[in-house]
C-alpha atoms as a PDB file:
ATOM      1  CA  MET A   1     -35.394 -31.679   1.449  1.00  0.00           C
ATOM      2  CA  GLN A   2     -33.181 -34.568   2.436  1.00  0.00           C
ATOM      3  CA  PRO A   3     -35.189 -37.930   3.198  1.00  0.00           C
ATOM      4  CA  LEU A   4     -34.648 -37.871   7.039  1.00  0.00           C
ATOM      5  CA  ALA A   5     -35.966 -34.240   7.165  1.00  0.00           C
ATOM      6  CA  ILE A   6     -38.713 -35.431   5.135  1.00  0.00           C
ATOM      7  CA  ALA A   7     -39.482 -38.240   7.941  1.00  0.00           C
ATOM      8  CA  ASN A   8     -39.227 -35.849  10.713  1.00  0.00           C
ATOM      9  CA  ALA A   9     -41.304 -33.208   8.680  1.00  0.00           C
ATOM     10  CA  ALA A  10     -44.335 -36.504   8.676  1.00  0.00           C
ATOM     11  CA  LEU A  11     -43.402 -37.346  11.882  1.00  0.00           C
ATOM     12  CA  ARG A  12     -44.344 -33.986  13.519  1.00  0.00           C
ATOM     13  CA  ASP A  13     -47.118 -33.390  11.696  1.00  0.00           C
ATOM     14  CA  GLU A  14     -48.709 -36.765  12.516  1.00  0.00           C
ATOM     15  CA  ILE A  15     -47.270 -36.202  16.122  1.00  0.00           C
ATOM     16  CA  PHE A  16     -49.541 -32.783  16.023  1.00  0.00           C
ATOM     17  CA  ALA A  17     -52.450 -34.541  14.567  1.00  0.00           C
ATOM     18  CA  ALA A  18     -53.037 -36.778  17.204  1.00  0.00           C
ATOM     19  CA  ASN A  19     -52.938 -34.174  19.987  1.00  0.00           C
ATOM     20  CA  ARG A  20     -55.547 -32.243  18.485  1.00  0.00           C
ATOM     21  CA  ALA A  21     -59.036 -32.295  20.314  1.00  0.00           C
ATOM     22  CA  THR A  22     -61.984 -32.696  18.560  1.00  0.00           C
ATOM     23  CA  GLY A  23     -65.709 -33.209  20.020  1.00  0.00           C
ATOM     24  CA  ARG A  24     -69.112 -34.019  18.705  1.00  0.00           C
ATOM     25  CA  VAL A  25     -72.255 -33.515  20.419  1.00  0.00           C
ATOM     26  CA  ALA A  26     -76.015 -34.248  19.165  1.00  0.00           C
ATOM     27  CA  VAL A  27     -79.469 -33.187  20.798  1.00  0.00           C
ATOM     28  CA  ALA A  28     -82.923 -33.772  20.125  1.00  0.00           C
ATOM     29  CA  VAL A  29     -85.162 -33.056  22.441  1.00  0.00           C
ATOM     30  CA  ALA A  30     -89.095 -33.206  22.581  1.00  0.00           C
ATOM     31  CA  ALA A  31     -92.051 -31.518  23.540  1.00  0.00           C
ATOM     32  CA  GLY A  32     -94.205 -33.622  26.248  1.00  0.00           C
ATOM     33  CA  SER A  33     -96.882 -33.213  28.965  1.00  0.00           C
ATOM     34  CA  GLY A  34     -93.926 -31.637  31.479  1.00  0.00           C
ATOM     35  CA  GLY A  35     -92.353 -29.482  28.997  1.00  0.00           C
ATOM     36  CA  THR A  36     -89.793 -29.630  26.937  1.00  0.00           C
ATOM     37  CA  ARG A  37     -87.264 -32.583  27.659  1.00  0.00           C
ATOM     38  CA  PRO A  38     -83.626 -34.049  26.626  1.00  0.00           C
ATOM     39  CA  ALA A  39     -84.807 -37.311  23.442  1.00  0.00           C
ATOM     40  CA  ARG A  40     -81.502 -38.221  22.881  1.00  0.00           C
ATOM     41  CA  ILE A  41     -78.016 -36.809  24.051  1.00  0.00           C
ATOM     42  CA  HIS A  42     -74.626 -38.061  22.220  1.00  0.00           C
ATOM     43  CA  GLU A  43     -71.592 -36.655  23.226  1.00  0.00           C
ATOM     44  CA  GLU A  44     -68.103 -37.767  21.602  1.00  0.00           C
ATOM     45  CA  GLY A  45     -64.434 -36.226  22.515  1.00  0.00           C
ATOM     46  CA  SER A  46     -63.937 -32.806  24.723  1.00  0.00           C
ATOM     47  CA  LEU A  47     -67.865 -31.127  24.096  1.00  0.00           C
ATOM     48  CA  ARG A  48     -70.799 -32.013  26.380  1.00  0.00           C
ATOM     49  CA  VAL A  49     -74.280 -31.013  27.401  1.00  0.00           C
ATOM     50  CA  ARG A  50     -76.153 -29.973  30.267  1.00  0.00           C
ATOM     51  CA  PHE A  51     -79.109 -29.070  31.344  1.00  0.00           C
ATOM     52  CA  PRO A  52     -78.926 -27.187  34.375  1.00  0.00           C
ATOM     53  CA  HIS A  53     -82.502 -26.545  35.335  1.00  0.00           C
ATOM     54  CA  GLY A  54     -84.447 -29.692  34.468  1.00  0.00           C
ATOM     55  CA  ALA A  55     -87.446 -30.097  32.296  1.00  0.00           C
ATOM     56  CA  GLY A  56     -89.269 -26.849  31.743  1.00  0.00           C
ATOM     57  CA  GLN A  57     -91.859 -25.442  28.552  1.00  0.00           C
ATOM     58  CA  VAL A  58     -88.559 -24.217  27.624  1.00  0.00           C
ATOM     59  CA  LEU A  59     -85.439 -26.419  28.326  1.00  0.00           C
ATOM     60  CA  ASP A  60     -81.726 -24.508  29.005  1.00  0.00           C
ATOM     61  CA  ALA A  61     -79.019 -26.656  27.170  1.00  0.00           C
ATOM     62  CA  VAL A  62     -75.345 -25.299  28.099  1.00  0.00           C
ATOM     63  CA  ILE A  63     -72.091 -26.780  25.881  1.00  0.00           C
ATOM     64  CA  VAL A  64     -69.460 -26.973  27.797  1.00  0.00           C
ATOM     65  CA  ASN A  65     -66.177 -27.538  26.282  1.00  0.00           C
ATOM     66  CA  THR A  66     -63.590 -29.851  28.766  1.00  0.00           C
ATOM     67  CA  ALA A  67     -60.525 -28.518  26.134  1.00  0.00           C
ATOM     68  CA  GLY A  68     -60.952 -25.272  27.596  1.00  0.00           C
ATOM     69  CA  GLY A  69     -60.411 -23.334  24.043  1.00  0.00           C
ATOM     70  CA  MET A  70     -59.624 -24.217  20.316  1.00  0.00           C
ATOM     71  CA  THR A  71     -56.758 -23.953  18.274  1.00  0.00           C
ATOM     72  CA  GLY A  72     -55.085 -25.086  15.053  1.00  0.00           C
ATOM     73  CA  GLY A  73     -56.555 -28.827  13.563  1.00  0.00           C
ATOM     74  CA  ASP A  74     -59.315 -28.336  16.507  1.00  0.00           C
ATOM     75  CA  ARG A  75     -62.391 -29.583  15.157  1.00  0.00           C
ATOM     76  CA  SER A  76     -66.072 -29.017  16.939  1.00  0.00           C
ATOM     77  CA  CYS A  77     -69.431 -30.571  15.878  1.00  0.00           C
ATOM     78  CA  ILE A  78     -72.920 -29.544  17.303  1.00  0.00           C
ATOM     79  CA  ASP A  79     -76.135 -31.191  16.224  1.00  0.00           C
ATOM     80  CA  ILE A  80     -78.685 -29.778  17.882  1.00  0.00           C
ATOM     81  CA  GLU A  81     -82.466 -30.712  16.833  1.00  0.00           C
ATOM     82  CA  ALA A  82     -85.629 -29.397  18.315  1.00  0.00           C
ATOM     83  CA  ARG A  83     -88.283 -31.802  17.077  1.00  0.00           C
ATOM     84  CA  ALA A  84     -92.278 -30.840  17.172  1.00  0.00           C
ATOM     85  CA  GLY A  85     -93.628 -28.116  19.993  1.00  0.00           C
ATOM     86  CA  ALA A  86     -90.456 -28.243  21.682  1.00  0.00           C
ATOM     87  CA  LYS A  87     -89.134 -25.059  23.110  1.00  0.00           C
ATOM     88  CA  LEU A  88     -85.296 -24.633  23.262  1.00  0.00           C
ATOM     89  CA  SER A  89     -82.218 -22.171  24.197  1.00  0.00           C
ATOM     90  CA  VAL A  90     -78.988 -23.146  23.802  1.00  0.00           C
ATOM     91  CA  THR A  91     -75.394 -21.326  25.527  1.00  0.00           C
ATOM     92  CA  THR A  92     -72.365 -22.167  26.021  1.00  0.00           C
ATOM     93  CA  ALA A  93     -70.498 -22.326  29.535  1.00  0.00           C
ATOM     94  CA  ALA A  94     -68.037 -19.701  28.449  1.00  0.00           C
ATOM     95  CA  ALA A  95     -66.590 -17.758  25.883  1.00  0.00           C
ATOM     96  CA  GLU A  96     -64.869 -19.762  23.332  1.00  0.00           C
ATOM     97  CA  LYS A  97     -60.850 -19.301  22.853  1.00  0.00           C
ATOM     98  CA  ILE A  98     -59.528 -19.742  19.850  1.00  0.00           C
ATOM     99  CA  TYR A  99     -55.645 -19.683  19.739  1.00  0.00           C
ATOM    100  CA  ARG A 100     -53.010 -19.356  17.575  1.00  0.00           C
ATOM    101  CA  SER A 101     -52.512 -21.886  15.212  1.00  0.00           C
ATOM    102  CA  LEU A 102     -49.021 -23.215  13.480  1.00  0.00           C
ATOM    103  CA  GLY A 103     -50.890 -23.883   9.791  1.00  0.00           C
ATOM    104  CA  PRO A 104     -54.759 -26.044   9.828  1.00  0.00           C
ATOM    105  CA  ASP A 105     -57.807 -24.037  10.634  1.00  0.00           C
ATOM    106  CA  THR A 106     -59.985 -24.459  13.952  1.00  0.00           C
ATOM    107  CA  GLU A 107     -62.979 -26.135  12.378  1.00  0.00           C
ATOM    108  CA  VAL A 108     -66.631 -25.103  13.800  1.00  0.00           C
ATOM    109  CA  GLY A 109     -69.929 -26.651  12.639  1.00  0.00           C
ATOM    110  CA  VAL A 110     -72.935 -26.345  13.963  1.00  0.00           C
ATOM    111  CA  LYS A 111     -76.283 -27.674  12.434  1.00  0.00           C
ATOM    112  CA  LEU A 112     -79.730 -26.453  13.859  1.00  0.00           C
ATOM    113  CA  GLU A 113     -82.610 -27.977  12.527  1.00  0.00           C
ATOM    114  CA  VAL A 114     -86.259 -27.067  14.041  1.00  0.00           C
ATOM    115  CA  GLY A 115     -89.286 -28.860  13.665  1.00  0.00           C
ATOM    116  CA  PRO A 116     -93.036 -28.102  13.229  1.00  0.00           C
ATOM    117  CA  ARG A 117     -94.042 -24.992  15.536  1.00  0.00           C
ATOM    118  CA  ALA A 118     -90.638 -25.589  17.569  1.00  0.00           C
ATOM    119  CA  VAL A 119     -88.849 -22.655  18.893  1.00  0.00           C
ATOM    120  CA  LEU A 120     -84.717 -22.569  19.671  1.00  0.00           C
ATOM    121  CA  ALA A 121     -82.537 -19.898  20.554  1.00  0.00           C
ATOM    122  CA  TRP A 122     -79.369 -20.352  19.579  1.00  0.00           C
ATOM    123  CA  LEU A 123     -77.347 -18.309  21.949  1.00  0.00           C
ATOM    124  CA  PRO A 124     -73.590 -19.219  22.624  1.00  0.00           C
ATOM    125  CA  GLN A 125     -71.594 -16.616  24.368  1.00  0.00           C
ATOM    126  CA  GLU A 126     -68.831 -14.821  22.938  1.00  0.00           C
ATOM    127  CA  THR A 127     -66.105 -16.366  20.599  1.00  0.00           C
ATOM    128  CA  ILE A 128     -62.280 -14.385  21.070  1.00  0.00           C
ATOM    129  CA  LEU A 129     -59.457 -14.708  18.651  1.00  0.00           C
ATOM    130  CA  PHE A 130     -56.070 -14.361  19.443  1.00  0.00           C
ATOM    131  CA  ASP A 131     -53.415 -13.330  16.935  1.00  0.00           C
ATOM    132  CA  ARG A 132     -53.174 -15.955  14.049  1.00  0.00           C
ATOM    133  CA  ALA A 133     -55.987 -17.860  15.178  1.00  0.00           C
ATOM    134  CA  ARG A 134     -57.396 -19.572  11.928  1.00  0.00           C
ATOM    135  CA  LEU A 135     -60.965 -20.209  12.555  1.00  0.00           C
ATOM    136  CA  ARG A 136     -63.022 -21.581  10.150  1.00  0.00           C
ATOM    137  CA  ARG A 137     -67.210 -21.818  11.137  1.00  0.00           C
ATOM    138  CA  THR A 138     -70.278 -23.165   9.226  1.00  0.00           C
ATOM    139  CA  ILE A 139     -74.003 -23.033  10.614  1.00  0.00           C
ATOM    140  CA  GLU A 140     -76.266 -24.774   8.832  1.00  0.00           C
ATOM    141  CA  VAL A 141     -79.947 -23.964  10.146  1.00  0.00           C
ATOM    142  CA  ASN A 142     -83.388 -25.867   8.986  1.00  0.00           C
ATOM    143  CA  LEU A 143     -86.749 -24.749  10.135  1.00  0.00           C
ATOM    144  CA  ALA A 144     -90.402 -25.684   9.589  1.00  0.00           C
ATOM    145  CA  ARG A 145     -92.288 -23.163   8.480  1.00  0.00           C
ATOM    146  CA  ASP A 146     -94.570 -22.356  11.364  1.00  0.00           C
ATOM    147  CA  ALA A 147     -91.056 -22.674  13.452  1.00  0.00           C
ATOM    148  CA  GLU A 148     -89.524 -19.482  15.483  1.00  0.00           C
ATOM    149  CA  LEU A 149     -85.539 -18.974  15.421  1.00  0.00           C
ATOM    150  CA  LEU A 150     -83.358 -16.725  17.375  1.00  0.00           C
ATOM    151  CA  LEU A 151     -79.777 -16.976  16.255  1.00  0.00           C
ATOM    152  CA  ALA A 152     -76.958 -14.539  18.007  1.00  0.00           C
ATOM    153  CA  GLU A 153     -73.577 -15.100  17.093  1.00  0.00           C
ATOM    154  CA  ALA A 154     -70.414 -13.187  18.546  1.00  0.00           C
ATOM    155  CA  SER A 155     -66.749 -12.635  17.679  1.00  0.00           C
ATOM    156  CA  ILE A 156     -64.028 -10.614  19.659  1.00  0.00           C
ATOM    157  CA  PHE A 157     -60.851  -9.944  17.974  1.00  0.00           C
ATOM    158  CA  GLY A 158     -58.188  -9.809  20.972  1.00  0.00           C
ATOM    159  CA  ARG A 159     -58.889  -9.212  24.642  1.00  0.00           C
ATOM    160  CA  SER A 160     -58.836  -5.293  24.574  1.00  0.00           C
ATOM    161  CA  ALA A 161     -58.105  -5.239  28.300  1.00  0.00           C
ATOM    162  CA  MET A 162     -55.285  -7.189  28.182  1.00  0.00           C
ATOM    163  CA  GLY A 163     -53.823  -5.347  25.231  1.00  0.00           C
ATOM    164  CA  GLU A 164     -54.100  -7.679  22.756  1.00  0.00           C
ATOM    165  CA  THR A 165     -54.214  -7.030  19.220  1.00  0.00           C
ATOM    166  CA  VAL A 166     -55.255  -9.873  16.322  1.00  0.00           C
ATOM    167  CA  ARG A 167     -52.741  -8.237  13.944  1.00  0.00           C
ATOM    168  CA  SER A 168     -53.085 -11.738  11.516  1.00  0.00           C
ATOM    169  CA  GLY A 169     -54.784 -14.716  10.882  1.00  0.00           C
ATOM    170  CA  SER A 170     -58.203 -16.184   9.259  1.00  0.00           C
ATOM    171  CA  PHE A 171     -61.693 -15.599  10.350  1.00  0.00           C
ATOM    172  CA  VAL A 172     -64.479 -17.326   8.071  1.00  0.00           C
ATOM    173  CA  ASP A 173     -68.401 -17.270   8.891  1.00  0.00           C
ATOM    174  CA  ARG A 174     -70.161 -19.139   6.811  1.00  0.00           C
ATOM    175  CA  ARG A 175     -74.112 -19.024   7.799  1.00  0.00           C
ATOM    176  CA  ARG A 176     -77.022 -20.865   5.795  1.00  0.00           C
ATOM    177  CA  ILE A 177     -80.650 -19.992   6.925  1.00  0.00           C
ATOM    178  CA  ARG A 178     -83.348 -22.686   4.670  1.00  0.00           C
ATOM    179  CA  VAL A 179     -87.019 -22.936   5.799  1.00  0.00           C
ATOM    180  CA  ASP A 180     -88.907 -26.038   4.405  1.00  0.00           C
ATOM    181  CA  GLY A 181     -85.655 -26.765   2.931  1.00  0.00           C
ATOM    182  CA  ALA A 182     -85.784 -23.174   0.889  1.00  0.00           C
ATOM    183  CA  LEU A 183     -83.148 -21.013   1.183  1.00  0.00           C
ATOM    184  CA  VAL A 184     -83.720 -17.817   2.565  1.00  0.00           C
ATOM    185  CA  LEU A 185     -80.671 -16.173   4.131  1.00  0.00           C
ATOM    186  CA  ALA A 186     -76.943 -17.214   2.526  1.00  0.00           C
ATOM    187  CA  GLU A 187     -73.695 -15.330   3.691  1.00  0.00           C
ATOM    188  CA  SER A 188     -70.182 -15.655   4.580  1.00  0.00           C
ATOM    189  CA  VAL A 189     -67.677 -13.233   6.169  1.00  0.00           C
ATOM    190  CA  GLN A 190     -64.099 -13.611   5.266  1.00  0.00           C
ATOM    191  CA  LEU A 191     -61.021 -11.802   7.162  1.00  0.00           C
ATOM    192  CA  ASP A 192     -57.600 -13.020   6.199  1.00  0.00           C
ATOM    193  CA  GLY A 193     -54.202 -11.630   7.087  1.00  0.00           C
ATOM    194  CA  GLY A 194     -54.219  -8.363   8.545  1.00  0.00           C
ATOM    195  CA  ILE A 195     -57.070  -8.277  10.301  1.00  0.00           C
ATOM    196  CA  ALA A 196     -56.228  -5.669  12.875  1.00  0.00           C
ATOM    197  CA  ASP A 197     -55.816  -3.118   9.097  1.00  0.00           C
ATOM    198  CA  ARG A 198     -58.973  -5.000   7.813  1.00  0.00           C
ATOM    199  CA  LEU A 199     -60.916  -3.484  10.739  1.00  0.00           C
ATOM    200  CA  THR A 200     -59.674  -0.114  10.552  1.00  0.00           C
ATOM    201  CA  GLU A 201     -61.660   0.253   7.345  1.00  0.00           C
ATOM    202  CA  ARG A 202     -64.916   2.198   7.339  1.00  0.00           C
ATOM    203  CA  ALA A 203     -66.971  -0.831   5.662  1.00  0.00           C
ATOM    204  CA  ILE A 204     -66.011  -3.428   7.905  1.00  0.00           C
ATOM    205  CA  GLY A 205     -65.505  -2.539  11.355  1.00  0.00           C
ATOM    206  CA  ALA A 206     -64.624   1.067  11.472  1.00  0.00           C
ATOM    207  CA  GLY A 207     -61.858   0.529  14.125  1.00  0.00           C
ATOM    208  CA  GLY A 208     -63.735  -1.862  16.163  1.00  0.00           C
ATOM    209  CA  ALA A 209     -62.590  -5.131  17.497  1.00  0.00           C
ATOM    210  CA  ALA A 210     -66.018  -6.871  17.987  1.00  0.00           C
ATOM    211  CA  ILE A 211     -68.694  -7.692  15.863  1.00  0.00           C
ATOM    212  CA  ALA A 212     -72.171  -9.327  16.129  1.00  0.00           C
ATOM    213  CA  SER A 213     -75.627 -10.581  14.262  1.00  0.00           C
ATOM    214  CA  VAL A 214     -78.816 -11.238  15.603  1.00  0.00           C
ATOM    215  CA  LEU A 215     -81.412 -13.077  13.625  1.00  0.00           C
ATOM    216  CA  LYS A 216     -84.915 -13.259  14.280  1.00  0.00           C
ATOM    217  CA  LEU A 217     -87.357 -15.662  11.951  1.00  0.00           C
ATOM    218  CA  PRO A 218     -89.948 -14.844  11.913  1.00  0.00           C
ATOM    219  CA  GLY A 219     -89.059 -11.160  12.337  1.00  0.00           C
ATOM    220  CA  GLY A 220     -90.370  -7.987  11.008  1.00  0.00           C
ATOM    221  CA  GLU A 221     -90.495  -4.174  10.712  1.00  0.00           C
ATOM    222  CA  ASP A 222     -92.122  -4.312  14.572  1.00  0.00           C
ATOM    223  CA  ASP A 223     -88.518  -5.575  15.647  1.00  0.00           C
ATOM    224  CA  THR A 224     -86.591  -3.209  13.266  1.00  0.00           C
ATOM    225  CA  ALA A 225     -88.268  -0.115  14.936  1.00  0.00           C
ATOM    226  CA  ALA A 226     -87.936  -1.518  18.497  1.00  0.00           C
ATOM    227  CA  VAL A 227     -83.710  -1.947  17.790  1.00  0.00           C
ATOM    228  CA  ARG A 228     -83.560   1.761  15.890  1.00  0.00           C
ATOM    229  CA  ALA A 229     -85.683   3.237  19.240  1.00  0.00           C
ATOM    230  CA  MET A 230     -82.854   2.218  21.029  1.00  0.00           C
ATOM    231  CA  GLN A 231     -80.487   3.658  18.888  1.00  0.00           C
ATOM    232  CA  ARG A 232     -79.224   6.367  21.645  1.00  0.00           C
ATOM    233  CA  ASP A 233     -78.592   3.711  23.779  1.00  0.00           C
ATOM    234  CA  PHE A 234     -75.766   2.006  21.732  1.00  0.00           C
ATOM    235  CA  CYS A 235     -72.472   2.192  22.667  1.00  0.00           C
ATOM    236  CA  GLY A 236     -71.243   1.025  19.012  1.00  0.00           C
ATOM    237  CA  GLU A 237     -73.218   0.831  15.703  1.00  0.00           C
ATOM    238  CA  VAL A 238     -75.707  -1.539  15.109  1.00  0.00           C
ATOM    239  CA  GLY A 239     -78.096  -1.923  11.830  1.00  0.00           C
ATOM    240  CA  VAL A 240     -81.337  -3.537  11.590  1.00  0.00           C
ATOM    241  CA  SER A 241     -83.077  -4.446   8.522  1.00  0.00           C
ATOM    242  CA  ALA A 242     -86.522  -6.738   7.843  1.00  0.00           C
ATOM    243  CA  TRP A 243     -87.097  -8.401   4.419  1.00  0.00           C
ATOM    244  CA  ASN A 244     -88.887 -12.012   3.192  1.00  0.00           C
ATOM    245  CA  GLY A 245     -90.291 -12.729   6.885  1.00  0.00           C
ATOM    246  CA  LEU A 246     -87.043 -12.431   8.894  1.00  0.00           C
ATOM    247  CA  ALA A 247     -85.469  -9.728  10.942  1.00  0.00           C
ATOM    248  CA  LEU A 248     -81.425  -9.463  11.190  1.00  0.00           C
ATOM    249  CA  ALA A 249     -79.327  -7.125  13.268  1.00  0.00           C
ATOM    250  CA  ARG A 250     -75.506  -6.075  12.521  1.00  0.00           C
ATOM    251  CA  LEU A 251     -73.160  -4.731  15.075  1.00  0.00           C
ATOM    252  CA  VAL A 252     -69.853  -3.381  15.739  1.00  0.00           C
ATOM    253  CA  ALA A 253     -68.457  -2.005  18.991  1.00  0.00           C
ATOM    254  CA  ALA A 254     -64.805  -1.110  20.342  1.00  0.00           C
ATOM    255  CA  ASP A 255     -64.548  -4.259  22.214  1.00  0.00           C
ATOM    256  CA  GLY A 256     -66.161  -7.249  24.171  1.00  0.00           C
ATOM    257  CA  ALA A 257     -67.704  -4.990  26.876  1.00  0.00           C
ATOM    258  CA  ALA A 258     -69.245  -2.674  24.406  1.00  0.00           C
ATOM    259  CA  LEU A 259     -70.376  -5.554  22.371  1.00  0.00           C
ATOM    260  CA  ARG A 260     -72.043  -7.155  25.294  1.00  0.00           C
ATOM    261  CA  HIS A 261     -73.977  -4.289  26.170  1.00  0.00           C
ATOM    262  CA  ASP A 262     -75.402  -3.734  22.912  1.00  0.00           C
ATOM    263  CA  LEU A 263     -75.816  -7.052  21.861  1.00  0.00           C
ATOM    264  CA  LEU A 264     -78.451  -7.479  25.312  1.00  0.00           C
ATOM    265  CA  ARG A 265     -80.275  -4.622  23.861  1.00  0.00           C
ATOM    266  CA  VAL A 266     -80.799  -5.835  20.642  1.00  0.00           C
ATOM    267  CA  LEU A 267     -82.096  -9.105  22.174  1.00  0.00           C
ATOM    268  CA  SER A 268     -84.425  -7.198  24.471  1.00  0.00           C
ATOM    269  CA  ALA A 269     -85.839  -5.040  21.331  1.00  0.00           C
ATOM    270  CA  PHE A 270     -86.176  -8.745  19.592  1.00  0.00           C
ATOM    271  CA  GLY A 271     -88.119  -9.806  22.679  1.00  0.00           C
ATOM    272  CA  SER A 272     -86.441 -12.886  23.665  1.00  0.00           C
ATOM    273  CA  GLY A 273     -87.003 -12.281  27.259  1.00  0.00           C
ATOM    274  CA  PRO A 274     -84.047 -12.443  29.935  1.00  0.00           C
ATOM    275  CA  PRO A 275     -80.753 -13.636  28.277  1.00  0.00           C
ATOM    276  CA  PRO A 276     -79.148 -17.363  29.953  1.00  0.00           C
ATOM    277  CA  ARG A 277     -78.161 -17.008  33.495  1.00  0.00           C
ATOM    278  CA  LEU A 278     -74.545 -17.894  32.483  1.00  0.00           C
ATOM    279  CA  TRP A 279     -74.180 -14.444  30.645  1.00  0.00           C
ATOM    280  CA  SER A 280     -74.048 -12.788  33.925  1.00  0.00           C
ATOM    281  CA  ASN A 281     -71.205 -15.091  35.381  1.00  0.00           C
END
């Protein structure tokens, strides 16, 4: 490559990097006489957090991405801490859209800290990937031994109602759950290259274009039995198991609407109560 071409490429990369969206939100909530209240809030870049219903026994938090979606080179970091005895439910204002990338990954990092006797529900709306999107997401959770966690994550590969298909791209989803610092669950999902072809494989998506998982901790056989009792009501496929004090359900469906239908029923079976109000908008 000629020196001028090298300089132009470097300038292009510099301009591209300068126009990428970055955001960080860090929230700590604490229990008090009037219920759970925010104790610390930090916002940077494109991310915001709002508490639409004020303090209560369970505090509702909504993460807002003012960038209106993410693409290659964008980064977001979310830190949530529920201190001793606090009860917090977190969702997002809308489904997160991951658009086509020209090369770099879209990076999402989530850290959840759940203190003694605290309860945290992490219930973001779905992540929608577009063709040639590149998403690398990491979720790290650390719970006190007597804390409670409900964690749901859903990903949709293309909007089927719009005739969209994610033919190629990259999806890397890494999750680590610890109790008092001890690792109790480690899993990673990776789909690279021809995602549409991979999703047709029986052991991966069986032709579906939407996947989700729901983790309850503590959880047990009563939770799995409640999910299995709903098998005739599901639009897609749902598998559930329990071990070492946790319950985990995995879902695959033809599209986002079918996945949302099944996800709501799994959450109900896990005793989560009504979903966040924004889910019905």
